[in-house]
Amino acid sequence: PYDLAFANILKGPLVALAPDMARHVAAGGRAILSGILNEQADDVLAVYIENGFNLDHREEIVEWTTLTLRKET
């Protein structure tokens, strides 16, 4: 498992990757997800929460959101 994973892609691929991220990010590790349109960020976050992640930080810059998530231990 990895301590950190990063993905800078749109909502569809991020949602599809959620189960793989959950398998490959170590307990207590982080996933940084960017390239998300602000209006889609809640949908992406919900899928990652369902896959064992918690929100550490959310940053919005103009129309884009970055989510920093921590995998549950």
PDB file of N, CA and C in Angstrom:
ATOM      1  N   PRO A   1       0.824  -1.207   0.000  1.00  0.00           N
ATOM      2  CA  PRO A   1       0.000   0.000   0.000  1.00  0.00           C
ATOM      3  C   PRO A   1       0.863   1.264   0.000  1.00  0.00           C
ATOM      4  N   TYR A   2       0.313   2.335  -0.546  1.00  0.00           N
ATOM      5  CA  TYR A   2       1.015   3.614  -0.654  1.00  0.00           C
ATOM      6  C   TYR A   2       0.552   4.577   0.439  1.00  0.00           C
ATOM      7  N   ASP A   3       1.458   5.426   0.905  1.00  0.00           N
ATOM      8  CA  ASP A   3       1.113   6.451   1.886  1.00  0.00           C
ATOM      9  C   ASP A   3       0.439   7.643   1.232  1.00  0.00           C
ATOM     10  N   LEU A   4       0.685   7.839  -0.067  1.00  0.00           N
ATOM     11  CA  LEU A   4       0.123   8.982  -0.779  1.00  0.00           C
ATOM     12  C   LEU A   4      -0.186   8.592  -2.217  1.00  0.00           C
ATOM     13  N   ALA A   5      -1.384   8.962  -2.654  1.00  0.00           N
ATOM     14  CA  ALA A   5      -1.772   8.797  -4.059  1.00  0.00           C
ATOM     15  C   ALA A   5      -2.358  10.123  -4.526  1.00  0.00           C
ATOM     16  N   PHE A   6      -2.096  10.471  -5.783  1.00  0.00           N
ATOM     17  CA  PHE A   6      -2.550  11.739  -6.342  1.00  0.00           C
ATOM     18  C   PHE A   6      -3.193  11.483  -7.695  1.00  0.00           C
ATOM     19  N   ALA A   7      -4.344  12.124  -7.923  1.00  0.00           N
ATOM     20  CA  ALA A   7      -5.007  12.009  -9.224  1.00  0.00           C
ATOM     21  C   ALA A   7      -5.569  13.371  -9.613  1.00  0.00           C
ATOM     22  N   ASN A   8      -5.250  13.812 -10.811  1.00  0.00           N
ATOM     23  CA  ASN A   8      -5.718  15.094 -11.332  1.00  0.00           C
ATOM     24  C   ASN A   8      -6.517  14.824 -12.604  1.00  0.00           C
ATOM     25  N   ILE A   9      -7.758  14.368 -12.407  1.00  0.00           N
ATOM     26  CA  ILE A   9      -8.636  14.025 -13.524  1.00  0.00           C
ATOM     27  C   ILE A   9     -10.069  14.406 -13.158  1.00  0.00           C
ATOM     28  N   LEU A  10     -10.974  14.260 -14.086  1.00  0.00           N
ATOM     29  CA  LEU A  10     -12.357  14.674 -13.878  1.00  0.00           C
ATOM     30  C   LEU A  10     -13.151  13.677 -13.036  1.00  0.00           C
ATOM     31  N   LYS A  11     -14.385  14.055 -12.729  1.00  0.00           N
ATOM     32  CA  LYS A  11     -15.252  13.283 -11.839  1.00  0.00           C
ATOM     33  C   LYS A  11     -15.390  11.811 -12.237  1.00  0.00           C
ATOM     34  N   GLY A  12     -15.716  11.538 -13.482  1.00  0.00           N
ATOM     35  CA  GLY A  12     -15.972  10.156 -13.908  1.00  0.00           C
ATOM     36  C   GLY A  12     -14.834   9.208 -13.593  1.00  0.00           C
ATOM     37  N   PRO A  13     -13.624   9.502 -14.043  1.00  0.00           N
ATOM     38  CA  PRO A  13     -12.507   8.621 -13.725  1.00  0.00           C
ATOM     39  C   PRO A  13     -12.200   8.552 -12.225  1.00  0.00           C
ATOM     40  N   LEU A  14     -12.359   9.669 -11.510  1.00  0.00           N
ATOM     41  CA  LEU A  14     -12.094   9.639 -10.064  1.00  0.00           C
ATOM     42  C   LEU A  14     -13.066   8.710  -9.348  1.00  0.00           C
ATOM     43  N   VAL A  15     -14.331   8.773  -9.724  1.00  0.00           N
ATOM     44  CA  VAL A  15     -15.336   7.896  -9.121  1.00  0.00           C
ATOM     45  C   VAL A  15     -15.013   6.438  -9.449  1.00  0.00           C
ATOM     46  N   ALA A  16     -14.662   6.164 -10.688  1.00  0.00           N
ATOM     47  CA  ALA A  16     -14.328   4.793 -11.090  1.00  0.00           C
ATOM     48  C   ALA A  16     -13.097   4.271 -10.358  1.00  0.00           C
ATOM     49  N   LEU A  17     -12.167   5.158 -10.014  1.00  0.00           N
ATOM     50  CA  LEU A  17     -10.930   4.760  -9.325  1.00  0.00           C
ATOM     51  C   LEU A  17     -11.099   4.553  -7.821  1.00  0.00           C
ATOM     52  N   ALA A  18     -12.200   4.976  -7.253  1.00  0.00           N
ATOM     53  CA  ALA A  18     -12.359   4.946  -5.794  1.00  0.00           C
ATOM     54  C   ALA A  18     -12.084   3.575  -5.169  1.00  0.00           C
ATOM     55  N   PRO A  19     -12.632   2.478  -5.681  1.00  0.00           N
ATOM     56  CA  PRO A  19     -12.331   1.179  -5.065  1.00  0.00           C
ATOM     57  C   PRO A  19     -10.846   0.812  -5.151  1.00  0.00           C
ATOM     58  N   ASP A  20     -10.205   1.126  -6.274  1.00  0.00           N
ATOM     59  CA  ASP A  20      -8.769   0.853  -6.406  1.00  0.00           C
ATOM     60  C   ASP A  20      -7.957   1.717  -5.451  1.00  0.00           C
ATOM     61  N   MET A  21      -8.325   2.977  -5.311  1.00  0.00           N
ATOM     62  CA  MET A  21      -7.627   3.847  -4.358  1.00  0.00           C
ATOM     63  C   MET A  21      -7.764   3.276  -2.946  1.00  0.00           C
ATOM     64  N   ALA A  22      -8.952   2.814  -2.607  1.00  0.00           N
ATOM     65  CA  ALA A  22      -9.170   2.256  -1.271  1.00  0.00           C
ATOM     66  C   ALA A  22      -8.287   1.032  -1.034  1.00  0.00           C
ATOM     67  N   ARG A  23      -8.077   0.229  -2.058  1.00  0.00           N
ATOM     68  CA  ARG A  23      -7.231  -0.961  -1.920  1.00  0.00           C
ATOM     69  C   ARG A  23      -5.751  -0.616  -1.838  1.00  0.00           C
ATOM     70  N   HIS A  24      -5.338   0.448  -2.512  1.00  0.00           N
ATOM     71  CA  HIS A  24      -3.910   0.726  -2.658  1.00  0.00           C
ATOM     72  C   HIS A  24      -3.359   1.829  -1.762  1.00  0.00           C
ATOM     73  N   VAL A  25      -4.221   2.584  -1.095  1.00  0.00           N
ATOM     74  CA  VAL A  25      -3.749   3.589  -0.140  1.00  0.00           C
ATOM     75  C   VAL A  25      -3.737   2.942   1.243  1.00  0.00           C
ATOM     76  N   ALA A  26      -2.616   3.072   1.935  1.00  0.00           N
ATOM     77  CA  ALA A  26      -2.446   2.470   3.259  1.00  0.00           C
ATOM     78  C   ALA A  26      -3.389   3.117   4.270  1.00  0.00           C
ATOM     79  N   ALA A  27      -3.746   2.370   5.301  1.00  0.00           N
ATOM     80  CA  ALA A  27      -4.519   2.933   6.405  1.00  0.00           C
ATOM     81  C   ALA A  27      -3.764   4.128   6.969  1.00  0.00           C
ATOM     82  N   GLY A  28      -4.443   5.246   7.111  1.00  0.00           N
ATOM     83  CA  GLY A  28      -3.809   6.474   7.565  1.00  0.00           C
ATOM     84  C   GLY A  28      -3.147   7.260   6.451  1.00  0.00           C
ATOM     85  N   GLY A  29      -3.085   6.694   5.237  1.00  0.00           N
ATOM     86  CA  GLY A  29      -2.478   7.374   4.095  1.00  0.00           C
ATOM     87  C   GLY A  29      -3.416   8.411   3.505  1.00  0.00           C
ATOM     88  N   ARG A  30      -2.904   9.168   2.571  1.00  0.00           N
ATOM     89  CA  ARG A  30      -3.683  10.254   1.974  1.00  0.00           C
ATOM     90  C   ARG A  30      -3.871  10.055   0.471  1.00  0.00           C
ATOM     91  N   ALA A  31      -5.000  10.567   0.004  1.00  0.00           N
ATOM     92  CA  ALA A  31      -5.279  10.675  -1.425  1.00  0.00           C
ATOM     93  C   ALA A  31      -5.582  12.141  -1.710  1.00  0.00           C
ATOM     94  N   ILE A  32      -4.921  12.699  -2.702  1.00  0.00           N
ATOM     95  CA  ILE A  32      -5.175  14.073  -3.127  1.00  0.00           C
ATOM     96  C   ILE A  32      -5.836  13.998  -4.494  1.00  0.00           C
ATOM     97  N   LEU A  33      -7.054  14.502  -4.564  1.00  0.00           N
ATOM     98  CA  LEU A  33      -7.849  14.442  -5.786  1.00  0.00           C
ATOM     99  C   LEU A  33      -8.075  15.857  -6.291  1.00  0.00           C
ATOM    100  N   SER A  34      -7.696  16.116  -7.536  1.00  0.00           N
ATOM    101  CA  SER A  34      -7.893  17.446  -8.108  1.00  0.00           C
ATOM    102  C   SER A  34      -8.419  17.311  -9.527  1.00  0.00           C
ATOM    103  N   GLY A  35      -8.693  18.455 -10.145  1.00  0.00           N
ATOM    104  CA  GLY A  35      -9.297  18.443 -11.470  1.00  0.00           C
ATOM    105  C   GLY A  35     -10.801  18.249 -11.405  1.00  0.00           C
ATOM    106  N   ILE A  36     -11.382  18.543 -10.236  1.00  0.00           N
ATOM    107  CA  ILE A  36     -12.813  18.338 -10.003  1.00  0.00           C
ATOM    108  C   ILE A  36     -13.521  19.686 -10.122  1.00  0.00           C
ATOM    109  N   LEU A  37     -14.550  19.747 -10.922  1.00  0.00           N
ATOM    110  CA  LEU A  37     -15.368  20.959 -10.975  1.00  0.00           C
ATOM    111  C   LEU A  37     -16.082  21.140  -9.636  1.00  0.00           C
ATOM    112  N   ASN A  38     -16.181  22.373  -9.164  1.00  0.00           N
ATOM    113  CA  ASN A  38     -16.777  22.642  -7.853  1.00  0.00           C
ATOM    114  C   ASN A  38     -18.131  21.965  -7.672  1.00  0.00           C
ATOM    115  N   GLU A  39     -18.972  22.023  -8.701  1.00  0.00           N
ATOM    116  CA  GLU A  39     -20.323  21.467  -8.565  1.00  0.00           C
ATOM    117  C   GLU A  39     -20.334  19.938  -8.533  1.00  0.00           C
ATOM    118  N   GLN A  40     -19.219  19.288  -8.816  1.00  0.00           N
ATOM    119  CA  GLN A  40     -19.135  17.826  -8.786  1.00  0.00           C
ATOM    120  C   GLN A  40     -18.375  17.302  -7.574  1.00  0.00           C
ATOM    121  N   ALA A  41     -17.789  18.187  -6.802  1.00  0.00           N
ATOM    122  CA  ALA A  41     -16.913  17.763  -5.704  1.00  0.00           C
ATOM    123  C   ALA A  41     -17.651  16.967  -4.635  1.00  0.00           C
ATOM    124  N   ASP A  42     -18.881  17.358  -4.297  1.00  0.00           N
ATOM    125  CA  ASP A  42     -19.621  16.622  -3.272  1.00  0.00           C
ATOM    126  C   ASP A  42     -19.901  15.188  -3.707  1.00  0.00           C
ATOM    127  N   ASP A  43     -20.182  14.987  -4.990  1.00  0.00           N
ATOM    128  CA  ASP A  43     -20.422  13.634  -5.503  1.00  0.00           C
ATOM    129  C   ASP A  43     -19.166  12.772  -5.387  1.00  0.00           C
ATOM    130  N   VAL A  44     -18.024  13.334  -5.756  1.00  0.00           N
ATOM    131  CA  VAL A  44     -16.754  12.605  -5.656  1.00  0.00           C
ATOM    132  C   VAL A  44     -16.462  12.291  -4.192  1.00  0.00           C
ATOM    133  N   LEU A  45     -16.611  13.276  -3.335  1.00  0.00           N
ATOM    134  CA  LEU A  45     -16.347  13.077  -1.911  1.00  0.00           C
ATOM    135  C   LEU A  45     -17.218  11.966  -1.335  1.00  0.00           C
ATOM    136  N   ALA A  46     -18.491  11.939  -1.675  1.00  0.00           N
ATOM    137  CA  ALA A  46     -19.398  10.913  -1.154  1.00  0.00           C
ATOM    138  C   ALA A  46     -18.926   9.510  -1.520  1.00  0.00           C
ATOM    139  N   VAL A  47     -18.465   9.326  -2.743  1.00  0.00           N
ATOM    140  CA  VAL A  47     -17.990   8.006  -3.181  1.00  0.00           C
ATOM    141  C   VAL A  47     -16.740   7.600  -2.399  1.00  0.00           C
ATOM    142  N   TYR A  48     -15.838   8.536  -2.163  1.00  0.00           N
ATOM    143  CA  TYR A  48     -14.617   8.211  -1.422  1.00  0.00           C
ATOM    144  C   TYR A  48     -14.911   7.950   0.053  1.00  0.00           C
ATOM    145  N   ILE A  49     -15.873   8.644   0.624  1.00  0.00           N
ATOM    146  CA  ILE A  49     -16.282   8.352   2.002  1.00  0.00           C
ATOM    147  C   ILE A  49     -16.841   6.936   2.076  1.00  0.00           C
ATOM    148  N   GLU A  50     -17.650   6.544   1.098  1.00  0.00           N
ATOM    149  CA  GLU A  50     -18.185   5.174   1.038  1.00  0.00           C
ATOM    150  C   GLU A  50     -17.071   4.139   0.929  1.00  0.00           C
ATOM    151  N   ASN A  51     -15.915   4.540   0.411  1.00  0.00           N
ATOM    152  CA  ASN A  51     -14.782   3.632   0.227  1.00  0.00           C
ATOM    153  C   ASN A  51     -13.730   3.763   1.324  1.00  0.00           C
ATOM    154  N   GLY A  52     -14.093   4.374   2.457  1.00  0.00           N
ATOM    155  CA  GLY A  52     -13.213   4.359   3.621  1.00  0.00           C
ATOM    156  C   GLY A  52     -12.298   5.552   3.799  1.00  0.00           C
ATOM    157  N   PHE A  53     -12.584   6.665   3.140  1.00  0.00           N
ATOM    158  CA  PHE A  53     -11.773   7.871   3.290  1.00  0.00           C
ATOM    159  C   PHE A  53     -12.541   8.928   4.080  1.00  0.00           C
ATOM    160  N   ASN A  54     -11.799   9.819   4.735  1.00  0.00           N
ATOM    161  CA  ASN A  54     -12.359  10.984   5.415  1.00  0.00           C
ATOM    162  C   ASN A  54     -11.747  12.239   4.820  1.00  0.00           C
ATOM    163  N   LEU A  55     -12.512  13.315   4.818  1.00  0.00           N
ATOM    164  CA  LEU A  55     -12.026  14.586   4.281  1.00  0.00           C
ATOM    165  C   LEU A  55     -11.086  15.251   5.273  1.00  0.00           C
ATOM    166  N   ASP A  56      -9.866  15.566   4.819  1.00  0.00           N
ATOM    167  CA  ASP A  56      -8.897  16.345   5.603  1.00  0.00           C
ATOM    168  C   ASP A  56      -8.980  17.821   5.240  1.00  0.00           C
ATOM    169  N   HIS A  57      -9.080  18.109   3.945  1.00  0.00           N
ATOM    170  CA  HIS A  57      -9.063  19.504   3.492  1.00  0.00           C
ATOM    171  C   HIS A  57      -9.727  19.610   2.125  1.00  0.00           C
ATOM    172  N   ARG A  58     -10.405  20.727   1.937  1.00  0.00           N
ATOM    173  CA  ARG A  58     -11.044  21.014   0.647  1.00  0.00           C
ATOM    174  C   ARG A  58     -10.621  22.416   0.225  1.00  0.00           C
ATOM    175  N   GLU A  59     -10.110  22.530  -0.975  1.00  0.00           N
ATOM    176  CA  GLU A  59      -9.642  23.818  -1.496  1.00  0.00           C
ATOM    177  C   GLU A  59     -10.348  24.098  -2.820  1.00  0.00           C
ATOM    178  N   GLU A  60     -10.964  25.272  -2.924  1.00  0.00           N
ATOM    179  CA  GLU A  60     -11.612  25.686  -4.168  1.00  0.00           C
ATOM    180  C   GLU A  60     -10.871  26.884  -4.742  1.00  0.00           C
ATOM    181  N   ILE A  61     -10.487  26.776  -5.998  1.00  0.00           N
ATOM    182  CA  ILE A  61      -9.831  27.867  -6.713  1.00  0.00           C
ATOM    183  C   ILE A  61     -10.602  28.075  -8.014  1.00  0.00           C
ATOM    184  N   VAL A  62     -11.247  29.215  -8.101  1.00  0.00           N
ATOM    185  CA  VAL A  62     -12.133  29.554  -9.207  1.00  0.00           C
ATOM    186  C   VAL A  62     -13.166  28.432  -9.345  1.00  0.00           C
ATOM    187  N   GLU A  63     -13.186  27.677 -10.457  1.00  0.00           N
ATOM    188  CA  GLU A  63     -14.206  26.633 -10.634  1.00  0.00           C
ATOM    189  C   GLU A  63     -13.715  25.226 -10.295  1.00  0.00           C
ATOM    190  N   TRP A  64     -12.508  25.115  -9.760  1.00  0.00           N
ATOM    191  CA  TRP A  64     -11.900  23.806  -9.508  1.00  0.00           C
ATOM    192  C   TRP A  64     -11.764  23.523  -8.014  1.00  0.00           C
ATOM    193  N   THR A  65     -11.936  22.248  -7.661  1.00  0.00           N
ATOM    194  CA  THR A  65     -11.800  21.801  -6.272  1.00  0.00           C
ATOM    195  C   THR A  65     -10.707  20.750  -6.172  1.00  0.00           C
ATOM    196  N   THR A  66      -9.950  20.831  -5.085  1.00  0.00           N
ATOM    197  CA  THR A  66      -9.001  19.786  -4.702  1.00  0.00           C
ATOM    198  C   THR A  66      -9.446  19.231  -3.357  1.00  0.00           C
ATOM    199  N   LEU A  67      -9.495  17.905  -3.259  1.00  0.00           N
ATOM    200  CA  LEU A  67      -9.850  17.230  -2.012  1.00  0.00           C
ATOM    201  C   LEU A  67      -8.626  16.494  -1.488  1.00  0.00           C
ATOM    202  N   THR A  68      -8.308  16.712  -0.227  1.00  0.00           N
ATOM    203  CA  THR A  68      -7.268  15.934   0.442  1.00  0.00           C
ATOM    204  C   THR A  68      -7.986  15.004   1.408  1.00  0.00           C
ATOM    205  N   LEU A  69      -7.807  13.715   1.202  1.00  0.00           N
ATOM    206  CA  LEU A  69      -8.520  12.690   1.964  1.00  0.00           C
ATOM    207  C   LEU A  69      -7.538  11.834   2.747  1.00  0.00           C
ATOM    208  N   ARG A  70      -8.000  11.296   3.874  1.00  0.00           N
ATOM    209  CA  ARG A  70      -7.195  10.363   4.654  1.00  0.00           C
ATOM    210  C   ARG A  70      -7.954   9.039   4.744  1.00  0.00           C
ATOM    211  N   LYS A  71      -7.243   7.957   4.492  1.00  0.00           N
ATOM    212  CA  LYS A  71      -7.833   6.613   4.575  1.00  0.00           C
ATOM    213  C   LYS A  71      -8.015   6.233   6.036  1.00  0.00           C
ATOM    214  N   GLU A  72      -9.170   5.719   6.362  1.00  0.00           N
ATOM    215  CA  GLU A  72      -9.456   5.295   7.731  1.00  0.00           C
ATOM    216  C   GLU A  72      -8.477   4.218   8.176  1.00  0.00           C
ATOM    217  N   THR A  73      -8.162   4.240   9.462  1.00  0.00           N
ATOM    218  CA  THR A  73      -7.245   3.229  10.019  1.00  0.00           C
ATOM    219  C   THR A  73      -8.007   2.053  10.564  1.00  0.00           C
TER     220      THR A  73
END
